[in-house]
Amino acid sequence: MSALSRTRRAWHWAVLAGLALVLVWPAPASAHAVLVSTDPADGSVVAAAPTNIRVEFNEPISLPPAGNELLDASGKGVPVDVAVQNNALVLTPRSALGDGSYVVAYRVVSADTHPVSGGFTFSVGVPSATTVSVPTGQEQRELTIVRVSLEALRYAGLLAVAGLVVFVELVAAPGVRADRAAMTTLLGVLSASALAAAAGQLLLTPLNVLWEGGSPLSGFVSWRTWADGFSGIGGVTFAMVAAGGGVAVVGARRDRPVLAVTGAATAMASLILVGHTRSYGPPWLVLVSDLVHVSSGAIWWGGLIGLSVVWSDRFSLRAVVKASTLSRFSTLAAVTVVGLIATGVLLYWRIGHSWSGLLTSDYGRLVLVKAGLVVPVLAMAGWNRFRLVPRIVGRSDRAAGGTLRRVVVAEAAVIAGVLAATSILITQSPPAPKVEPVVPEHELALKLTDDTTAEVVITPGTRGVNAVELHLVDEQGRPVTVVDPPTLDVRMESPKIGPFDHPLSPTGPGRWTATADFPLPGTWTVTVSARLSTFTEPVVSGTVVIP
């Protein structure tokens, strides 16, 4: 069997293994953005209908095309306006809610582009006798399989482009570059890889819109889905992949190393626009580690593809040329081993939250699968470096050359499996950190007039920077309209500190928010002033004890 036939057979097995892994692997069960609180609270009964319904998360979120709705007790949709304010999803009913129970179904996209969905219930006045259950969205297996397959295609293409550029420009011996047939094949594989990466990203862009919105795969044929995909970060990512890959091919074909490397780097940089690393810090450490990790993988993947071409029997390359290329790659591969292992451990440390998650979460178990696949690759690479390379370079051992071809094909097949595992890994969510709901430590009810109260909530109520919420309500709990925005200041009488004025930002009818710094523990005075009418501006104060 020729080396080319063995390569094709290895690719077939790798694709089948990747598809099998997709079919048996469980669906995503968690996501990065974690629910912190809801207002109204889940299961609560409020006296007055809320003007806004807020769903707070632990990190900034964005809004998908669909998935957010308010239902009444019968399951009928209630018209609402949906918006995002940093970490909060806000649903604003277009008309006042009547008495009864309501169901909120939410779906948002966390910073790493993973969708997060859920729901809760609340009641206004008297709860309804019966109510519909909270809708639960189910990820479509067909959509997941198609996405994972295209992710594998995109990753394999991108890493091959970058790795082959390094191989052609830095690893291949001069004799390889002088052989027209070998170079034609190498550049052909480079072009095909760039095309595969662009095609994968092109098709992934609308599919990601469907995934984020919880829509079925049938929406792929809708022009709206494509427009939504390419109007945001998906359009930028595709442009970087397509343009970068094209520039890399042109640079390699015209023997312009700087142009080729620039194009490959541009295409690879598209990987940092989305993914897990966008949600973790410190950003410089995680992003640099991610780039080193994928670059090391690219050098190895592209190098093995290049070696399989150079050592093919189809070309009349001299043994000394093959040996020189092999020696160069072996040295470079030894460096990438360090980069792969070090950055792999570091990335899981920053993303995985706990080492126990390797066994208790889908994400962790898949990391172990990926690491397990890398182990035989490292073993084969070590065999090449310390046993086969000395026999080939030093003694021109023909038998060792044949063994090397088989080992290189086997390495490539296993790395293809690693890429398949990676394509699934990026669709999974790491184990989320445990986020406890924020419980306000201090609440003040300050009477502005007989029928108007200023409710002040200070969270978390400890020394340092706190969030302050101000609600002006009447006796029935309804928001109060003011002539001018209220003012708020804090001070400490002993020792004498302040007063410090804190600008208030409106968040809804009768609602404002601010941040206040309590630098010392002790008793602090909080003062609120509100102009209720042209001639009425009461000023009230209360105290809180900051531990």
Protein backbone atom coordinates (compact mmCIF):
# COMPACT_ATOMS: atom_id res chain seq x y z
CA MET A 1 0.00 0.00 0.00
CA SER A 2 1.45 3.41 -0.98
CA ALA A 3 1.95 6.25 1.49
CA LEU A 4 -0.81 8.22 -0.26
CA SER A 5 -3.25 5.31 0.10
CA ARG A 6 -2.33 4.93 3.76
CA THR A 7 -2.94 8.65 4.29
CA ARG A 8 -6.38 8.45 2.69
CA ARG A 9 -7.26 5.40 4.76
CA ALA A 10 -6.11 7.16 7.93
CA TRP A 11 -8.25 10.19 7.06
CA HIS A 12 -11.30 7.96 6.55
CA TRP A 13 -10.83 6.34 9.95
CA ALA A 14 -10.29 9.73 11.60
CA VAL A 15 -13.51 11.14 10.10
CA LEU A 16 -15.48 8.06 11.18
CA ALA A 17 -14.02 8.28 14.70
CA GLY A 18 -14.94 11.96 14.91
CA LEU A 19 -18.53 11.33 13.80
CA ALA A 20 -18.86 8.45 16.25
CA LEU A 21 -17.66 10.70 19.06
CA VAL A 22 -20.24 13.33 18.06
CA LEU A 23 -23.07 10.77 18.11
CA VAL A 24 -22.29 9.29 21.50
CA TRP A 25 -21.20 12.44 23.33
CA PRO A 26 -23.88 13.99 25.55
CA ALA A 27 -25.43 17.35 24.70
CA PRO A 28 -24.17 20.54 26.41
CA ALA A 29 -25.48 20.84 29.96
CA SER A 30 -24.04 24.11 31.23
CA ALA A 31 -22.84 27.51 30.03
CA HIS A 32 -20.56 30.32 31.07
CA ALA A 33 -23.01 33.06 31.97
CA VAL A 34 -24.55 32.09 35.31
CA LEU A 35 -27.91 33.34 36.55
CA VAL A 36 -27.47 35.54 39.63
CA SER A 37 -30.96 36.86 40.34
CA THR A 38 -34.34 37.76 38.87
CA ASP A 39 -36.64 40.67 39.63
CA PRO A 40 -39.37 39.65 40.45
CA ALA A 41 -37.86 36.66 42.19
CA ASP A 42 -38.73 33.18 41.00
CA GLY A 43 -42.03 32.05 42.55
CA SER A 44 -42.70 35.41 44.24
CA VAL A 45 -46.04 37.22 44.51
CA VAL A 46 -45.80 41.00 44.08
CA ALA A 47 -48.50 43.51 45.04
CA ALA A 48 -47.96 45.83 42.07
CA ALA A 49 -47.26 44.86 38.48
CA PRO A 50 -43.59 45.36 37.61
CA THR A 51 -42.78 47.81 34.85
CA ASN A 52 -39.57 45.93 34.04
CA ILE A 53 -38.58 42.29 34.49
CA ARG A 54 -34.83 41.88 35.04
CA VAL A 55 -32.72 38.74 34.72
CA GLU A 56 -29.20 39.31 36.11
CA PHE A 57 -26.13 37.24 35.12
CA ASN A 58 -22.56 37.16 36.36
CA GLU A 59 -21.05 38.49 33.12
CA PRO A 60 -22.01 40.65 30.12
CA ILE A 61 -24.49 39.04 27.76
CA SER A 62 -25.91 39.69 24.31
CA LEU A 63 -29.29 39.10 22.75
CA PRO A 64 -29.98 36.26 20.28
CA PRO A 65 -32.62 36.62 17.55
CA ALA A 66 -35.24 34.62 19.50
CA GLY A 67 -35.98 32.81 22.73
CA ASN A 68 -37.16 35.56 25.11
CA GLU A 69 -40.85 35.78 25.93
CA LEU A 70 -43.38 36.48 28.66
CA LEU A 71 -46.37 34.13 28.92
CA ASP A 72 -49.55 34.44 30.94
CA ALA A 73 -51.03 31.57 32.96
CA SER A 74 -52.68 30.09 29.86
CA GLY A 75 -49.45 30.11 27.85
CA LYS A 76 -50.43 33.07 25.67
CA GLY A 77 -47.61 35.44 24.81
CA VAL A 78 -47.62 38.89 26.43
CA PRO A 79 -46.15 41.66 24.21
CA VAL A 80 -42.82 42.84 25.62
CA ASP A 81 -39.79 44.83 24.52
CA VAL A 82 -36.54 42.95 25.11
CA ALA A 83 -33.17 44.62 25.72
CA VAL A 84 -29.80 43.95 27.33
CA GLN A 85 -28.13 46.23 29.88
CA ASN A 86 -24.59 44.92 30.48
CA ASN A 87 -25.17 41.83 32.68
CA ALA A 88 -28.96 42.07 32.69
CA LEU A 89 -31.74 40.98 30.37
CA VAL A 90 -34.68 43.40 30.63
CA LEU A 91 -38.22 42.60 29.48
CA THR A 92 -40.59 45.59 29.45
CA PRO A 93 -44.31 44.80 29.08
CA ARG A 94 -45.97 47.09 26.55
CA SER A 95 -49.04 47.40 28.77
CA ALA A 96 -49.68 47.01 32.49
CA LEU A 97 -49.82 43.41 33.67
CA GLY A 98 -53.06 42.24 35.26
CA ASP A 99 -53.37 40.02 38.29
CA GLY A 100 -52.33 36.39 37.90
CA SER A 101 -49.27 34.25 37.26
CA TYR A 102 -46.69 34.77 34.51
CA VAL A 103 -43.88 32.71 33.03
CA VAL A 104 -40.61 34.23 31.77
CA ALA A 105 -38.57 32.22 29.26
CA TYR A 106 -35.14 33.68 28.59
CA ARG A 107 -32.28 32.91 26.21
CA VAL A 108 -29.09 34.99 26.10
CA VAL A 109 -25.61 34.59 24.67
CA SER A 110 -22.63 34.74 27.04
CA ALA A 111 -19.36 36.45 26.22
CA ASP A 112 -17.90 33.31 24.62
CA THR A 113 -20.93 33.00 22.26
CA HIS A 114 -22.50 30.08 24.15
CA PRO A 115 -26.30 30.34 24.55
CA VAL A 116 -27.84 30.20 28.03
CA SER A 117 -31.56 29.50 28.46
CA GLY A 118 -33.98 29.03 31.32
CA GLY A 119 -37.10 30.46 32.88
CA PHE A 120 -38.98 31.36 36.06
CA THR A 121 -42.46 32.31 37.26
CA PHE A 122 -43.97 35.12 39.33
CA SER A 123 -47.45 36.37 40.17
CA VAL A 124 -49.08 39.76 40.40
CA GLY A 125 -51.68 40.13 43.15
CA VAL A 126 -53.32 36.72 43.46
CA PRO A 127 -51.61 33.72 41.76
CA SER A 128 -53.57 31.92 39.04
CA ALA A 129 -55.18 28.59 39.92
CA THR A 130 -53.19 26.87 37.17
CA THR A 131 -50.31 27.94 34.97
CA VAL A 132 -48.21 26.55 32.15
CA SER A 133 -44.75 25.17 32.89
CA VAL A 134 -41.57 27.02 32.05
CA PRO A 135 -40.61 26.26 28.42
CA THR A 136 -37.42 24.24 28.08
CA GLY A 137 -35.40 24.45 24.89
CA GLN A 138 -33.83 21.26 23.53
CA GLU A 139 -30.73 21.45 21.38
CA GLN A 140 -31.25 19.72 18.06
CA ARG A 141 -28.89 16.81 17.56
CA GLU A 142 -28.89 17.35 13.79
CA LEU A 143 -27.79 20.95 14.22
CA THR A 144 -25.12 19.89 16.72
CA ILE A 145 -23.72 17.22 14.39
CA VAL A 146 -23.54 19.62 11.43
CA ARG A 147 -21.92 22.34 13.55
CA VAL A 148 -19.32 20.00 15.02
CA SER A 149 -18.48 18.60 11.57
CA LEU A 150 -17.99 22.08 10.16
CA GLU A 151 -15.95 23.12 13.20
CA ALA A 152 -13.67 20.15 12.52
CA LEU A 153 -13.38 21.19 8.86
CA ARG A 154 -12.61 24.79 9.82
CA TYR A 155 -10.04 23.82 12.46
CA ALA A 156 -8.32 21.27 10.23
CA GLY A 157 -8.15 23.81 7.42
CA LEU A 158 -6.93 26.72 9.53
CA LEU A 159 -4.27 24.73 11.33
CA ALA A 160 -3.11 23.13 8.08
CA VAL A 161 -2.76 26.56 6.43
CA ALA A 162 -0.63 27.94 9.26
CA GLY A 163 1.37 24.71 9.70
CA LEU A 164 2.07 24.28 5.98
CA VAL A 165 3.23 27.89 5.67
CA VAL A 166 5.71 27.23 8.48
CA PHE A 167 6.72 23.94 6.87
CA VAL A 168 7.22 25.42 3.39
CA GLU A 169 8.99 28.57 4.55
CA LEU A 170 11.06 27.29 7.50
CA VAL A 171 11.17 23.50 7.66
CA ALA A 172 11.42 22.18 4.11
CA ALA A 173 15.03 21.77 2.96
CA PRO A 174 16.11 23.76 -0.13
CA GLY A 175 15.97 20.57 -2.17
CA VAL A 176 12.24 20.26 -1.49
CA ARG A 177 11.58 23.78 -2.69
CA ALA A 178 13.62 23.08 -5.82
CA ASP A 179 11.51 20.02 -6.69
CA ARG A 180 8.61 21.28 -8.79
CA ALA A 181 6.41 18.21 -8.32
CA ALA A 182 6.77 18.17 -4.53
CA MET A 183 6.17 21.91 -4.25
CA THR A 184 3.13 21.71 -6.54
CA THR A 185 1.64 19.08 -4.24
CA LEU A 186 2.46 21.03 -1.07
CA LEU A 187 0.96 24.23 -2.45
CA GLY A 188 -2.05 22.32 -3.70
CA VAL A 189 -2.67 20.94 -0.21
CA LEU A 190 -2.21 24.47 1.18
CA SER A 191 -4.80 25.86 -1.25
CA ALA A 192 -7.25 23.06 -0.45
CA SER A 193 -6.77 23.70 3.27
CA ALA A 194 -7.48 27.41 2.86
CA LEU A 195 -10.60 26.58 0.85
CA ALA A 196 -11.77 24.09 3.51
CA ALA A 197 -11.29 26.65 6.29
CA ALA A 198 -13.21 29.33 4.38
CA ALA A 199 -16.02 26.93 3.46
CA GLY A 200 -16.32 25.72 7.05
CA GLN A 201 -16.49 29.28 8.39
CA LEU A 202 -18.94 30.34 5.67
CA LEU A 203 -21.43 27.61 6.59
CA LEU A 204 -20.85 27.97 10.33
CA THR A 205 -21.83 31.65 10.34
CA PRO A 206 -25.60 31.13 9.79
CA LEU A 207 -25.58 27.89 11.80
CA ASN A 208 -24.24 29.77 14.83
CA VAL A 209 -27.21 32.14 14.59
CA LEU A 210 -29.58 29.17 14.73
CA TRP A 211 -27.66 27.67 17.65
CA GLU A 212 -27.67 30.87 19.66
CA GLY A 213 -31.36 31.44 19.08
CA GLY A 214 -32.42 27.83 19.68
CA SER A 215 -33.86 27.65 16.16
CA PRO A 216 -34.18 24.46 14.07
CA LEU A 217 -31.76 23.46 11.33
CA SER A 218 -34.45 24.25 8.73
CA GLY A 219 -33.77 27.95 9.34
CA PHE A 220 -30.44 27.54 7.52
CA VAL A 221 -32.14 28.31 4.18
CA SER A 222 -33.58 31.60 5.42
CA TRP A 223 -31.92 34.73 4.03
CA ARG A 224 -32.58 36.39 7.38
CA THR A 225 -30.42 33.83 9.16
CA TRP A 226 -27.52 34.54 6.80
CA ALA A 227 -27.99 38.31 7.13
CA ASP A 228 -27.98 38.11 10.93
CA GLY A 229 -24.87 35.92 10.85
CA PHE A 230 -22.79 38.12 8.61
CA SER A 231 -23.92 41.42 10.13
CA GLY A 232 -22.05 40.76 13.37
CA ILE A 233 -18.86 39.06 14.50
CA GLY A 234 -19.52 36.17 12.12
CA GLY A 235 -18.94 38.41 9.12
CA VAL A 236 -15.65 39.68 10.53
CA THR A 237 -14.50 36.13 11.32
CA PHE A 238 -15.30 34.89 7.83
CA ALA A 239 -13.47 37.83 6.26
CA MET A 240 -10.36 37.09 8.34
CA VAL A 241 -10.41 33.38 7.47
CA ALA A 242 -11.08 33.85 3.75
CA ALA A 243 -8.74 36.82 3.23
CA GLY A 244 -6.01 35.46 5.48
CA GLY A 245 -6.07 32.04 3.83
CA GLY A 246 -6.03 33.60 0.36
CA VAL A 247 -3.09 35.85 1.20
CA ALA A 248 -1.19 32.89 2.70
CA VAL A 249 -1.67 30.88 -0.51
CA VAL A 250 -0.64 33.77 -2.75
CA GLY A 251 2.41 34.50 -0.61
CA ALA A 252 3.54 30.86 -0.63
CA ARG A 253 3.00 30.47 -4.39
CA ARG A 254 4.91 33.68 -5.18
CA ASP A 255 7.69 32.90 -2.71
CA ARG A 256 6.82 35.86 -0.49
CA PRO A 257 7.42 34.51 3.04
CA VAL A 258 6.33 37.69 4.84
CA LEU A 259 3.08 37.79 2.88
CA ALA A 260 2.43 34.09 3.50
CA VAL A 261 3.06 34.34 7.24
CA THR A 262 0.94 37.50 7.52
CA GLY A 263 -1.97 35.77 5.80
CA ALA A 264 -1.68 32.66 7.96
CA ALA A 265 -1.50 34.77 11.14
CA THR A 266 -4.60 36.74 10.10
CA ALA A 267 -6.56 33.55 9.51
CA MET A 268 -5.44 32.07 12.84
CA ALA A 269 -6.29 35.29 14.70
CA SER A 270 -9.94 34.69 13.81
CA LEU A 271 -9.97 31.98 16.49
CA ILE A 272 -9.65 34.52 19.32
CA LEU A 273 -12.77 36.46 18.27
CA VAL A 274 -15.03 33.75 19.65
CA GLY A 275 -14.68 30.88 22.07
CA HIS A 276 -14.05 30.13 25.72
CA THR A 277 -11.02 32.38 26.15
CA ARG A 278 -13.13 35.51 25.72
CA SER A 279 -14.75 34.92 29.11
CA TYR A 280 -11.69 34.37 31.27
CA GLY A 281 -8.78 36.37 32.52
CA PRO A 282 -6.39 37.85 32.78
CA PRO A 283 -7.13 38.43 29.07
CA TRP A 284 -3.50 38.82 27.99
CA LEU A 285 -2.51 35.54 29.63
CA VAL A 286 -5.44 33.48 28.38
CA LEU A 287 -5.40 34.84 24.82
CA VAL A 288 -1.64 34.49 24.46
CA SER A 289 -1.81 30.95 25.84
CA ASP A 290 -4.62 30.11 23.45
CA LEU A 291 -2.67 31.40 20.45
CA VAL A 292 0.47 29.53 21.51
CA HIS A 293 -1.59 26.37 22.00
CA VAL A 294 -3.28 26.42 18.60
CA SER A 295 -0.07 27.59 16.88
CA SER A 296 1.83 24.65 18.35
CA GLY A 297 -0.89 22.34 17.13
CA ALA A 298 -0.79 23.97 13.70
CA ILE A 299 2.97 23.51 13.37
CA TRP A 300 2.63 19.85 14.25
CA TRP A 301 -0.42 19.19 12.07
CA GLY A 302 0.94 21.06 9.05
CA GLY A 303 4.38 19.56 9.55
CA LEU A 304 3.04 16.00 9.48
CA ILE A 305 1.10 16.77 6.31
CA GLY A 306 4.25 18.23 4.78
CA LEU A 307 6.36 15.24 5.85
CA SER A 308 3.85 12.80 4.37
CA VAL A 309 4.29 14.61 1.04
CA VAL A 310 8.08 14.80 1.24
CA TRP A 311 8.46 11.12 2.17
CA SER A 312 6.00 9.94 -0.45
CA ASP A 313 7.38 7.58 -3.10
CA ARG A 314 5.75 9.74 -5.79
CA PHE A 315 8.64 12.21 -5.76
CA SER A 316 12.30 11.66 -6.61
CA LEU A 317 13.70 13.61 -3.68
CA ARG A 318 17.17 12.61 -2.58
CA ALA A 319 17.56 10.86 0.75
CA VAL A 320 19.72 13.68 2.12
CA VAL A 321 16.96 16.22 1.34
CA LYS A 322 14.35 14.12 3.10
CA ALA A 323 16.63 13.56 6.07
CA SER A 324 17.43 17.26 6.37
CA THR A 325 13.74 18.17 6.32
CA LEU A 326 12.99 15.51 8.89
CA SER A 327 15.75 16.74 11.19
CA ARG A 328 14.48 20.32 11.02
CA PHE A 329 10.92 19.30 11.77
CA SER A 330 12.00 17.04 14.61
CA THR A 331 13.75 19.94 16.33
CA LEU A 332 10.78 22.25 15.88
CA ALA A 333 8.32 19.57 17.04
CA ALA A 334 10.26 19.18 20.30
CA VAL A 335 9.60 22.87 21.03
CA THR A 336 5.91 22.59 20.20
CA VAL A 337 5.54 19.74 22.70
CA VAL A 338 6.49 22.11 25.49
CA GLY A 339 4.09 24.75 24.15
CA LEU A 340 1.20 22.31 23.80
CA ILE A 341 1.53 20.81 27.27
CA ALA A 342 2.24 24.05 29.15
CA THR A 343 -0.53 26.07 27.53
CA GLY A 344 -2.99 23.17 27.69
CA VAL A 345 -2.57 22.90 31.46
CA LEU A 346 -2.69 26.68 31.89
CA LEU A 347 -5.85 27.07 29.80
CA TYR A 348 -7.73 24.41 31.74
CA TRP A 349 -6.57 26.00 34.99
CA ARG A 350 -8.11 29.32 33.92
CA ILE A 351 -11.22 27.90 32.22
CA GLY A 352 -12.07 24.70 34.08
CA HIS A 353 -12.35 26.29 37.58
CA SER A 354 -11.54 23.01 39.35
CA TRP A 355 -9.53 19.88 38.63
CA SER A 356 -12.43 17.76 39.86
CA GLY A 357 -14.35 19.05 36.85
CA LEU A 358 -12.20 16.81 34.66
CA LEU A 359 -14.27 13.88 35.91
CA THR A 360 -17.58 15.47 36.81
CA SER A 361 -18.38 17.62 33.74
CA ASP A 362 -18.86 16.91 30.05
CA TYR A 363 -16.26 19.55 29.24
CA GLY A 364 -13.70 18.04 31.61
CA ARG A 365 -14.20 14.51 30.31
CA LEU A 366 -13.74 15.71 26.75
CA VAL A 367 -10.51 17.45 27.80
CA LEU A 368 -9.34 14.07 29.10
CA VAL A 369 -10.30 12.45 25.78
CA LYS A 370 -8.26 15.06 23.94
CA ALA A 371 -5.31 14.64 26.30
CA GLY A 372 -5.55 10.87 25.94
CA LEU A 373 -5.32 11.17 22.17
CA VAL A 374 -2.27 13.41 22.46
CA VAL A 375 -0.37 10.84 24.54
CA PRO A 376 0.22 8.36 21.67
CA VAL A 377 1.15 11.27 19.40
CA LEU A 378 3.84 12.31 21.87
CA ALA A 379 5.02 8.70 22.12
CA MET A 380 5.29 8.39 18.34
CA ALA A 381 7.02 11.76 18.11
CA GLY A 382 9.54 10.66 20.73
CA TRP A 383 10.17 7.44 18.80
CA ASN A 384 10.77 9.47 15.65
CA ARG A 385 13.05 11.95 17.36
CA PHE A 386 15.27 9.59 19.31
CA ARG A 387 15.19 6.34 17.33
CA LEU A 388 14.28 6.85 13.67
CA VAL A 389 15.82 10.26 12.96
CA PRO A 390 19.37 9.20 14.04
CA ARG A 391 19.10 6.04 11.90
CA ILE A 392 17.90 7.99 8.86
CA VAL A 393 20.13 11.06 9.16
CA GLY A 394 23.25 9.24 10.35
CA ARG A 395 23.08 5.93 8.50
CA SER A 396 20.55 6.49 5.68
CA ASP A 397 18.66 3.44 6.88
CA ARG A 398 16.04 2.61 4.20
CA ALA A 399 14.05 0.39 6.54
CA ALA A 400 13.87 3.24 9.02
CA GLY A 401 12.57 5.50 6.26
CA GLY A 402 9.70 3.11 5.56
CA THR A 403 8.89 2.91 9.26
CA LEU A 404 8.94 6.69 9.48
CA ARG A 405 6.34 7.00 6.72
CA ARG A 406 4.00 4.69 8.59
CA VAL A 407 4.53 6.49 11.90
CA VAL A 408 3.92 9.91 10.30
CA VAL A 409 0.64 8.67 8.80
CA ALA A 410 -0.38 7.25 12.17
CA GLU A 411 0.49 10.53 13.91
CA ALA A 412 -1.59 12.48 11.39
CA ALA A 413 -4.54 10.13 11.89
CA VAL A 414 -4.45 10.54 15.68
CA ILE A 415 -4.10 14.31 15.42
CA ALA A 416 -7.13 14.29 13.14
CA GLY A 417 -8.93 12.65 16.04
CA VAL A 418 -7.63 15.39 18.34
CA LEU A 419 -9.07 17.99 15.95
CA ALA A 420 -12.41 16.15 15.99
CA ALA A 421 -12.38 16.19 19.79
CA THR A 422 -11.45 19.89 19.75
CA SER A 423 -14.35 20.70 17.43
CA ILE A 424 -16.71 19.15 19.98
CA LEU A 425 -14.89 20.74 22.91
CA ILE A 426 -15.48 24.28 21.68
CA THR A 427 -19.23 23.64 21.52
CA GLN A 428 -19.25 22.45 25.15
CA SER A 429 -19.35 24.76 28.13
CA PRO A 430 -16.73 24.47 30.87
CA PRO A 431 -18.02 23.80 34.38
CA ALA A 432 -19.42 27.11 35.54
CA PRO A 433 -18.19 28.68 38.75
CA LYS A 434 -20.66 28.50 41.60
CA VAL A 435 -22.28 31.90 41.84
CA GLU A 436 -24.41 32.52 44.88
CA PRO A 437 -27.35 34.89 44.46
CA VAL A 438 -26.53 38.36 45.72
CA VAL A 439 -28.39 39.03 48.97
CA PRO A 440 -28.58 42.72 49.86
CA GLU A 441 -26.94 43.40 53.20
CA HIS A 442 -28.57 46.79 53.85
CA GLU A 443 -32.04 48.06 53.04
CA LEU A 444 -33.37 51.46 54.10
CA ALA A 445 -36.96 52.69 53.85
CA LEU A 446 -36.80 56.50 54.17
CA LYS A 447 -40.12 58.41 54.30
CA LEU A 448 -39.96 61.42 51.98
CA THR A 449 -43.62 62.34 52.64
CA ASP A 450 -46.60 60.61 54.19
CA ASP A 451 -47.27 58.73 50.95
CA THR A 452 -43.79 58.57 49.33
CA THR A 453 -40.91 56.34 50.39
CA ALA A 454 -37.31 56.17 49.21
CA GLU A 455 -36.17 52.55 49.29
CA VAL A 456 -32.37 52.27 49.31
CA VAL A 457 -30.67 48.92 48.76
CA ILE A 458 -26.88 48.66 49.27
CA THR A 459 -25.17 45.54 47.93
CA PRO A 460 -23.13 43.71 49.18
CA GLY A 461 -23.05 46.04 52.16
CA THR A 462 -19.40 45.55 53.01
CA ARG A 463 -16.30 47.74 52.98
CA GLY A 464 -15.33 48.84 49.47
CA VAL A 465 -17.32 49.61 46.35
CA ASN A 466 -21.04 48.81 46.60
CA ALA A 467 -24.00 48.98 44.27
CA VAL A 468 -26.77 51.31 45.44
CA GLU A 469 -30.34 51.05 44.13
CA LEU A 470 -32.88 53.78 44.81
CA HIS A 471 -36.62 53.18 44.35
CA LEU A 472 -39.20 55.96 44.88
CA VAL A 473 -42.63 54.40 45.51
CA ASP A 474 -46.03 55.42 46.86
CA GLU A 475 -48.09 53.60 49.48
CA GLN A 476 -49.24 51.00 46.92
CA GLY A 477 -45.68 50.30 45.78
CA ARG A 478 -46.11 52.14 42.49
CA PRO A 479 -43.21 54.21 41.07
CA VAL A 480 -43.25 57.94 41.82
CA THR A 481 -42.49 60.54 39.18
CA VAL A 482 -40.13 63.37 40.17
CA VAL A 483 -39.48 66.83 38.69
CA ASP A 484 -35.69 66.46 38.75
CA PRO A 485 -33.49 63.38 39.24
CA PRO A 486 -32.88 62.67 42.94
CA THR A 487 -29.47 63.05 44.57
CA LEU A 488 -27.64 60.72 46.94
CA ASP A 489 -24.63 61.19 49.18
CA VAL A 490 -22.88 59.21 51.91
CA ARG A 491 -20.83 60.43 54.85
CA MET A 492 -19.28 59.25 58.10
CA GLU A 493 -19.58 61.48 61.15
CA SER A 494 -16.72 59.99 63.19
CA PRO A 495 -14.15 60.23 61.85
CA LYS A 496 -15.37 63.03 59.62
CA ILE A 497 -15.48 61.65 56.06
CA GLY A 498 -17.51 63.06 53.19
CA PRO A 499 -20.12 63.84 52.13
CA PHE A 500 -19.53 62.09 48.83
CA ASP A 501 -22.06 62.76 46.07
CA HIS A 502 -22.90 59.79 43.86
CA PRO A 503 -24.57 60.42 40.49
CA LEU A 504 -27.69 58.32 39.96
CA SER A 505 -28.47 56.70 36.61
CA PRO A 506 -32.13 55.94 35.76
CA THR A 507 -32.98 52.28 35.20
CA GLY A 508 -36.77 52.54 34.95
CA PRO A 509 -39.76 54.50 36.26
CA GLY A 510 -38.96 55.56 39.82
CA ARG A 511 -35.69 53.59 39.79
CA TRP A 512 -32.05 54.72 39.82
CA THR A 513 -28.71 53.10 40.47
CA ALA A 514 -25.26 54.29 41.53
CA THR A 515 -21.99 53.02 42.97
CA ALA A 516 -20.72 54.12 46.39
CA ASP A 517 -17.39 53.47 48.05
CA PHE A 518 -17.36 52.81 51.80
CA PRO A 519 -13.60 52.85 52.48
CA LEU A 520 -13.83 52.34 56.27
CA PRO A 521 -15.95 50.12 58.51
CA GLY A 522 -18.38 51.87 60.82
CA THR A 523 -21.62 53.83 60.78
CA TRP A 524 -22.36 55.69 57.54
CA THR A 525 -25.15 58.17 56.85
CA VAL A 526 -26.99 57.87 53.54
CA THR A 527 -28.90 61.00 52.44
CA VAL A 528 -31.48 61.17 49.64
CA SER A 529 -32.99 64.33 48.21
CA ALA A 530 -35.88 64.24 45.70
CA ARG A 531 -37.80 67.13 44.12
CA LEU A 532 -41.34 65.73 44.09
CA SER A 533 -42.91 68.96 42.82
CA THR A 534 -41.93 72.53 42.02
CA PHE A 535 -42.11 73.52 45.68
CA THR A 536 -41.44 70.20 47.45
CA GLU A 537 -37.94 68.73 47.81
CA PRO A 538 -37.68 66.63 50.99
CA VAL A 539 -34.28 65.48 52.24
CA VAL A 540 -34.11 62.32 54.34
CA SER A 541 -31.27 60.34 55.89
CA GLY A 542 -30.65 56.93 57.36
CA THR A 543 -27.66 55.05 58.70
CA VAL A 544 -26.02 51.76 57.80
CA VAL A 545 -23.27 49.90 59.61
CA ILE A 546 -20.51 48.74 57.28
CA PRO A 547 -18.56 45.80 58.78
